[in-house]
Amino acid sequence: MRQMIKVFVDSHGHIVIPSEFKSSLKLSPGSTLVVEEGNKGAVCLCARIDLPKLAYKQGVLIVKAKPIRDLRNITRLERNRRISALLQRVSL
């Protein structure tokens, strides 16, 4: 669904986008937007989604991306989840 909103350029030359619209587009500080010039003076502002970068490291394909949550205890949490599931199956 296309939505049209009014934006303005502030005194510092920044394009100001309403917060409701930013959150619906999942924009955050540092997000990249591309401005495209169209016909008859039309301007299109498009969010550019940066995909995670893939790379080979010592023969293994890895992803270079920002984690979406704290990963410091992920191994312990996953181990506990699996043990709990196993104990539930055994006690049946």
Foldseek 3Di string as FASTA:
>chain_A
DDDDDDWDQDPVRDIDDDPVVCVVVVHDPPWDWDWDADPPRDIDIHTDDDDWDWDADPNDIDTDDDDPDDDPCVVVVVVVVVVVVVVVVVVD
